[in-house]
């Protein structure tokens, strides 16, 4: 359970940090992946940033909770990390984002697998 709580804390920090950066400096964040900052892209990124900050707070609230709550959050995180990586990889193959997005894809895929494995381990010990 300790490793799951560490994973939740790390994920919470990543979500809140990324979300805050999307809200506060959207043009810089878009520039990192070679996307032009237009009024539409800035609006959309700030909207996503608010959702990420809120998600990070929700994840943080699961630390120390009963196993079932932690399990649900780990599965949700695994889905988010894997699906967002696939979407970014598709954007890269379509030329929407630059090569700098690939390390983030890899890190999120690894985190997604680790969350999924942690959820499976937690489920196995809970039954």
N, C-alpha and C. Protein backbone atom coordinates (compact mmCIF):
# COMPACT_ATOMS: atom_id res chain seq x y z
N UNK A 1 0.83 -1.20 0.00
CA UNK A 1 0.00 0.00 0.00
C UNK A 1 0.87 1.26 0.00
N UNK A 2 2.04 1.17 0.64
CA UNK A 2 2.93 2.33 0.68
C UNK A 2 3.35 2.76 -0.72
N UNK A 3 3.69 1.80 -1.57
CA UNK A 3 4.11 2.15 -2.93
C UNK A 3 2.95 2.77 -3.71
N UNK A 4 1.74 2.30 -3.46
CA UNK A 4 0.58 2.90 -4.13
C UNK A 4 0.41 4.35 -3.69
N UNK A 5 0.59 4.62 -2.39
CA UNK A 5 0.46 5.99 -1.90
C UNK A 5 1.55 6.91 -2.46
N UNK A 6 2.76 6.37 -2.62
CA UNK A 6 3.84 7.15 -3.23
C UNK A 6 3.48 7.48 -4.68
N UNK A 7 2.94 6.50 -5.37
CA UNK A 7 2.53 6.69 -6.76
C UNK A 7 1.41 7.73 -6.87
N UNK A 8 0.48 7.69 -5.92
CA UNK A 8 -0.59 8.69 -5.91
C UNK A 8 -0.03 10.08 -5.64
N UNK A 9 0.90 10.19 -4.71
CA UNK A 9 1.50 11.49 -4.42
C UNK A 9 2.27 12.05 -5.61
N UNK A 10 3.05 11.20 -6.26
CA UNK A 10 3.79 11.61 -7.45
C UNK A 10 2.84 12.04 -8.56
N UNK A 11 1.82 11.25 -8.79
CA UNK A 11 0.84 11.58 -9.83
C UNK A 11 0.12 12.88 -9.53
N UNK A 12 -0.23 13.07 -8.27
CA UNK A 12 -0.90 14.31 -7.88
C UNK A 12 -0.01 15.51 -8.17
N UNK A 13 1.25 15.41 -7.80
CA UNK A 13 2.19 16.52 -8.04
C UNK A 13 2.34 16.79 -9.54
N UNK A 14 2.45 15.73 -10.33
CA UNK A 14 2.59 15.90 -11.78
C UNK A 14 1.34 16.53 -12.39
N UNK A 15 0.18 16.08 -11.97
CA UNK A 15 -1.07 16.63 -12.50
C UNK A 15 -1.25 18.10 -12.13
N UNK A 16 -1.03 18.41 -10.85
CA UNK A 16 -1.20 19.80 -10.41
C UNK A 16 -0.14 20.70 -11.05
N UNK A 17 1.10 20.23 -11.10
CA UNK A 17 2.16 21.04 -11.70
C UNK A 17 1.93 21.30 -13.18
N UNK A 18 1.58 20.25 -13.90
CA UNK A 18 1.31 20.41 -15.34
C UNK A 18 0.09 21.30 -15.56
N UNK A 19 -0.96 21.05 -14.80
CA UNK A 19 -2.17 21.85 -14.94
C UNK A 19 -1.92 23.32 -14.64
N UNK A 20 -1.17 23.59 -13.58
CA UNK A 20 -0.86 24.99 -13.24
C UNK A 20 -0.06 25.65 -14.36
N UNK A 21 0.89 24.93 -14.93
CA UNK A 21 1.67 25.49 -16.04
C UNK A 21 0.78 25.76 -17.25
N UNK A 22 -0.17 24.87 -17.53
CA UNK A 22 -1.10 25.09 -18.64
C UNK A 22 -1.94 26.34 -18.42
N UNK A 23 -2.34 26.59 -17.18
CA UNK A 23 -3.16 27.76 -16.87
C UNK A 23 -2.33 29.04 -16.89
N UNK A 24 -1.14 28.99 -16.29
CA UNK A 24 -0.34 30.20 -16.09
C UNK A 24 0.50 30.60 -17.30
N UNK A 25 1.08 29.62 -17.99
CA UNK A 25 1.95 29.93 -19.14
C UNK A 25 1.62 29.02 -20.33
N UNK A 26 0.40 29.12 -20.84
CA UNK A 26 0.00 28.21 -21.91
C UNK A 26 0.83 28.36 -23.18
N UNK A 27 1.21 29.57 -23.52
CA UNK A 27 2.01 29.78 -24.74
C UNK A 27 3.35 29.06 -24.65
N UNK A 28 3.99 29.12 -23.50
CA UNK A 28 5.27 28.44 -23.32
C UNK A 28 5.09 26.93 -23.39
N UNK A 29 4.02 26.42 -22.78
CA UNK A 29 3.77 24.98 -22.79
C UNK A 29 3.48 24.49 -24.21
N UNK A 30 2.72 25.26 -24.97
CA UNK A 30 2.45 24.88 -26.35
C UNK A 30 3.73 24.94 -27.19
N UNK A 31 4.55 25.93 -26.92
CA UNK A 31 5.80 26.09 -27.66
C UNK A 31 6.74 24.91 -27.47
N UNK A 32 6.70 24.28 -26.31
CA UNK A 32 7.58 23.14 -26.05
C UNK A 32 7.34 22.02 -27.07
N UNK A 33 6.09 21.82 -27.45
CA UNK A 33 5.76 20.75 -28.41
C UNK A 33 5.51 21.29 -29.82
N UNK A 34 6.01 22.50 -30.10
CA UNK A 34 5.94 23.10 -31.43
C UNK A 34 4.52 23.37 -31.92
N UNK A 35 3.63 23.76 -31.00
CA UNK A 35 2.28 24.16 -31.39
C UNK A 35 2.18 25.67 -31.22
N UNK A 36 1.65 26.33 -32.24
CA UNK A 36 1.48 27.78 -32.19
C UNK A 36 0.40 28.15 -31.17
N UNK A 37 0.70 29.17 -30.39
CA UNK A 37 -0.27 29.65 -29.40
C UNK A 37 -1.25 30.62 -30.07
N UNK A 38 -2.45 30.14 -30.31
CA UNK A 38 -3.52 30.99 -30.82
C UNK A 38 -4.52 31.19 -29.69
N UNK A 39 -5.46 32.08 -29.88
CA UNK A 39 -6.45 32.30 -28.81
C UNK A 39 -7.23 31.02 -28.53
N UNK A 40 -7.49 30.22 -29.55
CA UNK A 40 -8.22 28.96 -29.37
C UNK A 40 -7.37 27.93 -28.63
N UNK A 41 -6.12 27.76 -29.05
CA UNK A 41 -5.29 26.75 -28.40
C UNK A 41 -4.98 27.13 -26.95
N UNK A 42 -4.81 28.43 -26.69
CA UNK A 42 -4.56 28.88 -25.31
C UNK A 42 -5.80 28.63 -24.44
N UNK A 43 -6.97 28.95 -24.97
CA UNK A 43 -8.21 28.69 -24.24
C UNK A 43 -8.36 27.20 -23.91
N UNK A 44 -8.15 26.35 -24.92
CA UNK A 44 -8.30 24.91 -24.71
C UNK A 44 -7.28 24.37 -23.72
N UNK A 45 -6.05 24.85 -23.80
CA UNK A 45 -5.02 24.37 -22.88
C UNK A 45 -5.31 24.83 -21.46
N UNK A 46 -5.75 26.07 -21.30
CA UNK A 46 -6.10 26.53 -19.95
C UNK A 46 -7.27 25.74 -19.38
N UNK A 47 -8.25 25.41 -20.21
CA UNK A 47 -9.38 24.59 -19.77
C UNK A 47 -8.89 23.23 -19.31
N UNK A 48 -7.99 22.61 -20.08
CA UNK A 48 -7.42 21.32 -19.68
C UNK A 48 -6.60 21.48 -18.39
N UNK A 49 -5.92 22.60 -18.26
CA UNK A 49 -5.12 22.85 -17.06
C UNK A 49 -5.96 22.86 -15.80
N UNK A 50 -7.12 23.49 -15.86
CA UNK A 50 -8.02 23.50 -14.70
C UNK A 50 -8.44 22.07 -14.35
N UNK A 51 -8.77 21.28 -15.37
CA UNK A 51 -9.17 19.89 -15.13
C UNK A 51 -8.02 19.09 -14.52
N UNK A 52 -6.80 19.32 -14.97
CA UNK A 52 -5.65 18.59 -14.42
C UNK A 52 -5.39 18.96 -12.97
N UNK A 53 -5.50 20.24 -12.64
CA UNK A 53 -5.31 20.66 -11.24
C UNK A 53 -6.36 19.98 -10.36
N UNK A 54 -7.60 20.01 -10.80
CA UNK A 54 -8.67 19.36 -10.02
C UNK A 54 -8.44 17.86 -9.90
N UNK A 55 -8.02 17.22 -10.98
CA UNK A 55 -7.74 15.78 -10.95
C UNK A 55 -6.61 15.49 -9.96
N UNK A 56 -5.59 16.34 -9.94
CA UNK A 56 -4.49 16.15 -9.01
C UNK A 56 -4.94 16.24 -7.56
N UNK A 57 -5.86 17.14 -7.29
CA UNK A 57 -6.40 17.27 -5.93
C UNK A 57 -7.21 16.03 -5.56
N UNK A 58 -8.01 15.53 -6.52
CA UNK A 58 -8.78 14.31 -6.26
C UNK A 58 -7.85 13.13 -5.99
N UNK A 59 -6.80 13.01 -6.77
CA UNK A 59 -5.84 11.91 -6.58
C UNK A 59 -5.20 12.02 -5.19
N UNK A 60 -4.83 13.22 -4.82
CA UNK A 60 -4.22 13.44 -3.50
C UNK A 60 -5.16 13.00 -2.38
N UNK A 61 -6.44 13.21 -2.58
CA UNK A 61 -7.41 12.86 -1.53
C UNK A 61 -7.53 11.35 -1.33
N UNK A 62 -7.02 10.55 -2.26
CA UNK A 62 -7.11 9.09 -2.13
C UNK A 62 -6.00 8.50 -1.27
N UNK A 63 -4.97 9.27 -0.99
CA UNK A 63 -3.85 8.75 -0.20
C UNK A 63 -4.34 8.41 1.20
N UNK A 64 -4.02 7.18 1.62
CA UNK A 64 -4.40 6.72 2.95
C UNK A 64 -5.84 6.25 3.07
N UNK A 65 -6.56 6.26 1.99
CA UNK A 65 -7.96 5.79 2.00
C UNK A 65 -8.00 4.27 1.93
N UNK A 66 -9.18 3.70 2.09
CA UNK A 66 -9.31 2.23 1.98
C UNK A 66 -8.82 1.72 0.62
N UNK A 67 -8.41 0.46 0.59
CA UNK A 67 -7.83 -0.14 -0.61
C UNK A 67 -8.70 0.04 -1.85
N UNK A 68 -10.01 -0.11 -1.70
CA UNK A 68 -10.91 -0.01 -2.86
C UNK A 68 -10.83 1.38 -3.49
N UNK A 69 -10.79 2.41 -2.69
CA UNK A 69 -10.68 3.78 -3.22
C UNK A 69 -9.36 3.97 -3.96
N UNK A 70 -8.29 3.50 -3.36
CA UNK A 70 -6.97 3.62 -3.98
C UNK A 70 -6.93 2.83 -5.29
N UNK A 71 -7.52 1.66 -5.29
CA UNK A 71 -7.57 0.82 -6.48
C UNK A 71 -8.27 1.55 -7.63
N UNK A 72 -9.40 2.16 -7.34
CA UNK A 72 -10.15 2.89 -8.37
C UNK A 72 -9.31 4.03 -8.94
N UNK A 73 -8.64 4.77 -8.08
CA UNK A 73 -7.82 5.89 -8.54
C UNK A 73 -6.64 5.40 -9.36
N UNK A 74 -6.01 4.31 -8.95
CA UNK A 74 -4.89 3.75 -9.72
C UNK A 74 -5.33 3.31 -11.11
N UNK A 75 -6.49 2.69 -11.21
CA UNK A 75 -7.01 2.28 -12.52
C UNK A 75 -7.29 3.52 -13.39
N UNK A 76 -7.88 4.54 -12.78
CA UNK A 76 -8.13 5.78 -13.52
C UNK A 76 -6.85 6.44 -14.00
N UNK A 77 -5.83 6.46 -13.14
CA UNK A 77 -4.54 7.02 -13.53
C UNK A 77 -3.91 6.21 -14.65
N UNK A 78 -3.97 4.89 -14.54
CA UNK A 78 -3.41 4.04 -15.59
C UNK A 78 -4.07 4.35 -16.93
N UNK A 79 -5.39 4.46 -16.93
CA UNK A 79 -6.13 4.77 -18.16
C UNK A 79 -5.71 6.14 -18.69
N UNK A 80 -5.64 7.14 -17.82
CA UNK A 80 -5.25 8.49 -18.26
C UNK A 80 -3.85 8.49 -18.87
N UNK A 81 -2.90 7.90 -18.16
CA UNK A 81 -1.52 7.90 -18.65
C UNK A 81 -1.39 7.18 -19.99
N UNK A 82 -2.01 6.03 -20.13
CA UNK A 82 -1.89 5.26 -21.37
C UNK A 82 -2.62 5.95 -22.52
N UNK A 83 -3.88 6.33 -22.30
CA UNK A 83 -4.65 6.95 -23.38
C UNK A 83 -4.06 8.29 -23.82
N UNK A 84 -3.61 9.10 -22.86
CA UNK A 84 -3.03 10.39 -23.24
C UNK A 84 -1.73 10.19 -24.01
N UNK A 85 -0.99 9.13 -23.68
CA UNK A 85 0.23 8.83 -24.43
C UNK A 85 -0.08 8.41 -25.85
N UNK A 86 -1.10 7.59 -26.01
CA UNK A 86 -1.50 7.15 -27.35
C UNK A 86 -1.94 8.35 -28.19
N UNK A 87 -2.71 9.24 -27.59
CA UNK A 87 -3.16 10.44 -28.31
C UNK A 87 -1.97 11.30 -28.73
N UNK A 88 -1.01 11.49 -27.82
CA UNK A 88 0.18 12.27 -28.16
C UNK A 88 1.02 11.58 -29.22
N UNK A 89 1.12 10.27 -29.15
CA UNK A 89 1.88 9.54 -30.16
C UNK A 89 1.22 9.68 -31.53
N UNK A 90 -0.10 9.64 -31.56
CA UNK A 90 -0.82 9.84 -32.82
C UNK A 90 -0.58 11.26 -33.35
N UNK A 91 -0.57 12.25 -32.44
CA UNK A 91 -0.31 13.62 -32.85
C UNK A 91 1.11 13.75 -33.41
N UNK A 92 2.05 13.03 -32.81
CA UNK A 92 3.42 13.05 -33.31
C UNK A 92 3.52 12.43 -34.70
N UNK A 93 2.84 11.28 -34.90
CA UNK A 93 2.90 10.63 -36.22
C UNK A 93 2.22 11.48 -37.28
N UNK A 94 1.24 12.30 -36.88
CA UNK A 94 0.57 13.19 -37.83
C UNK A 94 1.31 14.52 -38.01
N UNK A 95 2.40 14.71 -37.29
CA UNK A 95 3.17 15.94 -37.41
C UNK A 95 2.59 17.13 -36.67
N UNK A 96 1.67 16.88 -35.76
CA UNK A 96 1.04 17.97 -35.00
C UNK A 96 1.98 18.48 -33.92
N UNK A 97 2.71 17.57 -33.28
CA UNK A 97 3.68 17.95 -32.25
C UNK A 97 5.06 17.49 -32.67
N UNK A 98 6.06 18.12 -32.07
CA UNK A 98 7.44 17.80 -32.43
C UNK A 98 8.00 16.63 -31.63
N UNK A 99 9.25 16.31 -31.95
CA UNK A 99 9.93 15.18 -31.31
C UNK A 99 10.07 15.33 -29.80
N UNK A 100 10.05 16.54 -29.32
CA UNK A 100 10.21 16.77 -27.87
C UNK A 100 9.07 16.15 -27.07
N UNK A 101 7.97 15.84 -27.73
CA UNK A 101 6.84 15.22 -27.01
C UNK A 101 7.07 13.74 -26.72
N UNK A 102 8.01 13.12 -27.38
CA UNK A 102 8.23 11.68 -27.22
C UNK A 102 8.68 11.26 -25.82
N UNK A 103 9.59 11.99 -25.16
CA UNK A 103 9.93 11.58 -23.79
C UNK A 103 8.72 11.58 -22.85
N UNK A 104 7.84 12.53 -23.01
CA UNK A 104 6.63 12.58 -22.19
C UNK A 104 5.74 11.38 -22.47
N UNK A 105 5.65 10.99 -23.73
CA UNK A 105 4.86 9.80 -24.09
C UNK A 105 5.43 8.58 -23.37
N UNK A 106 6.74 8.43 -23.42
CA UNK A 106 7.39 7.28 -22.79
C UNK A 106 7.17 7.28 -21.27
N UNK A 107 7.38 8.43 -20.64
CA UNK A 107 7.23 8.52 -19.18
C UNK A 107 5.79 8.18 -18.77
N UNK A 108 4.81 8.72 -19.50
CA UNK A 108 3.41 8.44 -19.15
C UNK A 108 3.04 6.99 -19.41
N UNK A 109 3.60 6.38 -20.45
CA UNK A 109 3.34 4.96 -20.66
C UNK A 109 3.89 4.12 -19.51
N UNK A 110 5.10 4.46 -19.07
CA UNK A 110 5.69 3.74 -17.94
C UNK A 110 4.84 3.94 -16.69
N UNK A 111 4.45 5.18 -16.42
CA UNK A 111 3.61 5.45 -15.25
C UNK A 111 2.28 4.71 -15.35
N UNK A 112 1.71 4.63 -16.54
CA UNK A 112 0.46 3.90 -16.72
C UNK A 112 0.62 2.43 -16.40
N UNK A 113 1.69 1.83 -16.87
CA UNK A 113 1.95 0.42 -16.58
C UNK A 113 2.18 0.21 -15.09
N UNK A 114 2.95 1.11 -14.47
CA UNK A 114 3.23 1.00 -13.04
C UNK A 114 1.93 1.14 -12.23
N UNK A 115 1.07 2.08 -12.61
CA UNK A 115 -0.22 2.22 -11.93
C UNK A 115 -1.07 0.97 -12.09
N UNK A 116 -1.10 0.41 -13.29
CA UNK A 116 -1.88 -0.80 -13.54
C UNK A 116 -1.35 -1.97 -12.71
N UNK A 117 -0.03 -2.13 -12.67
CA UNK A 117 0.57 -3.21 -11.88
C UNK A 117 0.32 -3.02 -10.40
N UNK A 118 0.40 -1.78 -9.95
CA UNK A 118 0.13 -1.48 -8.54
C UNK A 118 -1.32 -1.79 -8.19
N UNK A 119 -2.23 -1.47 -9.11
CA UNK A 119 -3.66 -1.77 -8.89
C UNK A 119 -3.88 -3.29 -8.83
N UNK A 120 -3.22 -4.03 -9.72
CA UNK A 120 -3.35 -5.48 -9.70
C UNK A 120 -2.80 -6.08 -8.40
N UNK A 121 -1.67 -5.57 -7.97
CA UNK A 121 -1.07 -6.05 -6.72
C UNK A 121 -1.98 -5.73 -5.53
N UNK A 122 -2.54 -4.52 -5.52
CA UNK A 122 -3.43 -4.12 -4.44
C UNK A 122 -4.69 -4.98 -4.45
N UNK A 123 -5.20 -5.26 -5.62
CA UNK A 123 -6.41 -6.11 -5.73
C UNK A 123 -6.13 -7.52 -5.23
N UNK A 124 -4.95 -8.03 -5.57
CA UNK A 124 -4.60 -9.39 -5.15
C UNK A 124 -4.45 -9.52 -3.64
N UNK A 125 -3.94 -8.47 -3.02
CA UNK A 125 -3.76 -8.52 -1.56
C UNK A 125 -5.07 -8.23 -0.81
N UNK A 126 -6.01 -7.57 -1.49
CA UNK A 126 -7.27 -7.21 -0.84
C UNK A 126 -8.26 -8.36 -0.82
N UNK A 127 -8.05 -9.36 -1.71
CA UNK A 127 -9.02 -10.46 -1.77
C UNK A 127 -8.55 -11.66 -1.00
